[in-house]
Amino acid sequence: MSVNANYTGNVQKPVHKVLVGATAELVGAAAANDNFTVSSWSFVNPTAGVVNCALYWNDGTTEFLVWRKAVAANSTEVESNLPIRLRNGHSIKASGAATVTVTLVQTMAVQVS
């Protein structure tokens, strides 16, 4: 007999990316296994104007728009109420403008049998 239990909450090192343009860019690497969840993210806009920012989840074949918001000049927007479970090969992309920075905070679910 075996008992399975999930321990969620092992916060991983943040993944950080400075965008170079307005097209969607890969943030971090594709997931290597099924243990990671993107728990929160932030977009920091250091520019003098409003920037439309977006976050995309890619399941390995299709890219889905998950979040989009105008980020005010010299401002930060944080989302922590929309967890995205990543499976093997899934990835996250972001778009905004040059110098906008994106940070992903991931938690790792460790399954013990």
Protein backbone atom coordinates (compact mmCIF):
# COMPACT_ATOMS: atom_id res chain seq x y z
CA MET A 1 0.00 0.00 0.00
CA SER A 2 1.18 3.51 -0.73
CA VAL A 3 -0.07 6.89 0.32
CA ASN A 4 0.32 9.96 -1.91
CA ALA A 5 0.44 13.47 -0.54
CA ASN A 6 1.26 16.81 -2.15
CA TYR A 7 3.38 19.39 -0.41
CA THR A 8 2.89 22.69 -2.17
CA GLY A 9 4.70 25.83 -1.21
CA ASN A 10 8.37 25.19 -1.86
CA VAL A 11 9.07 28.61 -3.39
CA GLN A 12 11.71 28.50 -6.11
CA LYS A 13 14.19 31.20 -7.11
CA PRO A 14 12.32 33.89 -9.12
CA VAL A 15 12.67 33.86 -12.90
CA HIS A 16 13.49 37.34 -14.19
CA LYS A 17 13.52 38.70 -17.76
CA VAL A 18 14.10 42.16 -19.19
CA LEU A 19 12.09 42.40 -22.39
CA VAL A 20 13.78 43.70 -25.54
CA GLY A 21 10.71 44.58 -27.60
CA ALA A 22 6.95 44.30 -28.01
CA THR A 23 6.79 40.67 -29.22
CA ALA A 24 6.16 37.75 -26.86
CA GLU A 25 9.41 36.43 -25.39
CA LEU A 26 10.13 33.22 -23.49
CA VAL A 27 10.55 33.85 -19.77
CA GLY A 28 12.78 31.15 -18.28
CA ALA A 29 12.94 27.67 -19.76
CA ALA A 30 10.18 25.22 -20.59
CA ALA A 31 9.17 23.05 -17.63
CA ALA A 32 11.26 19.89 -17.33
CA ASN A 33 8.60 18.02 -15.33
CA ASP A 34 5.07 18.37 -13.92
CA ASN A 35 6.02 19.84 -10.54
CA PHE A 36 5.94 23.60 -11.11
CA THR A 37 3.20 26.20 -10.75
CA VAL A 38 3.63 29.86 -11.64
CA SER A 39 2.16 31.33 -8.47
CA SER A 40 2.57 35.02 -9.22
CA TRP A 41 4.19 37.44 -11.61
CA SER A 42 5.01 41.10 -11.93
CA PHE A 43 5.56 43.54 -14.77
CA VAL A 44 7.70 46.57 -13.97
CA ASN A 45 7.46 49.49 -16.40
CA PRO A 46 10.41 51.89 -15.96
CA THR A 47 9.47 53.91 -19.06
CA ALA A 48 7.82 57.33 -19.23
CA GLY A 49 4.66 55.99 -20.90
CA VAL A 50 1.92 53.42 -20.42
CA VAL A 51 2.79 49.93 -21.75
CA ASN A 52 0.32 47.17 -22.61
CA CYS A 53 1.76 44.01 -21.07
CA ALA A 54 0.64 40.41 -21.55
CA LEU A 55 1.44 36.96 -20.20
CA TYR A 56 1.02 33.82 -22.30
CA TRP A 57 0.96 30.14 -21.33
CA ASN A 58 2.17 27.68 -23.96
CA ASP A 59 1.19 24.02 -23.59
CA GLY A 60 3.81 22.88 -26.10
CA THR A 61 1.61 23.40 -29.14
CA THR A 62 -0.71 26.34 -28.50
CA GLU A 63 -0.09 29.76 -26.98
CA PHE A 64 -2.86 31.09 -24.73
CA LEU A 65 -3.26 34.70 -23.60
CA VAL A 66 -3.66 34.47 -19.82
CA TRP A 67 -3.30 38.05 -18.60
CA ARG A 68 -3.19 41.49 -20.20
CA LYS A 69 -3.06 44.88 -18.56
CA ALA A 70 -1.85 48.40 -19.22
CA VAL A 71 1.01 49.14 -16.82
CA ALA A 72 1.35 52.82 -16.00
CA ALA A 73 4.59 54.74 -16.46
CA ASN A 74 7.15 54.06 -13.72
CA SER A 75 4.83 51.53 -12.13
CA THR A 76 4.51 47.84 -11.27
CA GLU A 77 1.58 45.46 -11.67
CA VAL A 78 1.50 42.21 -9.68
CA GLU A 79 -0.80 39.21 -10.14
CA SER A 80 -0.90 36.56 -7.45
CA ASN A 81 -4.42 35.19 -7.77
CA LEU A 82 -4.16 33.18 -10.99
CA PRO A 83 -1.84 30.17 -10.54
CA ILE A 84 -0.74 28.40 -13.73
CA ARG A 85 0.21 24.73 -13.36
CA LEU A 86 3.02 23.86 -15.76
CA ARG A 87 3.35 20.38 -17.20
CA ASN A 88 6.42 18.93 -18.89
CA GLY A 89 7.22 21.13 -21.91
CA HIS A 90 4.92 23.99 -20.96
CA SER A 91 6.35 27.50 -20.98
CA ILE A 92 5.53 31.12 -20.20
CA LYS A 93 6.00 34.05 -22.56
CA ALA A 94 5.55 37.76 -21.91
CA SER A 95 5.21 40.87 -24.04
CA GLY A 96 5.46 44.55 -23.26
CA ALA A 97 8.17 46.93 -24.43
CA ALA A 98 11.92 47.26 -24.25
CA THR A 99 13.20 47.59 -20.64
CA VAL A 100 9.95 46.30 -19.10
CA THR A 101 10.92 43.57 -16.66
CA VAL A 102 8.93 40.44 -15.90
CA THR A 103 9.39 38.31 -12.79
CA LEU A 104 7.77 34.91 -12.28
CA VAL A 105 7.51 33.32 -8.86
CA GLN A 106 7.07 29.56 -9.00
CA THR A 107 6.23 26.99 -6.38
CA MET A 108 7.19 23.36 -6.65
CA ALA A 109 4.82 20.56 -5.70
CA VAL A 110 6.76 17.59 -4.41
CA GLN A 111 4.86 14.34 -4.53
CA VAL A 112 5.85 11.78 -1.93
CA SER A 113 4.74 8.18 -2.29
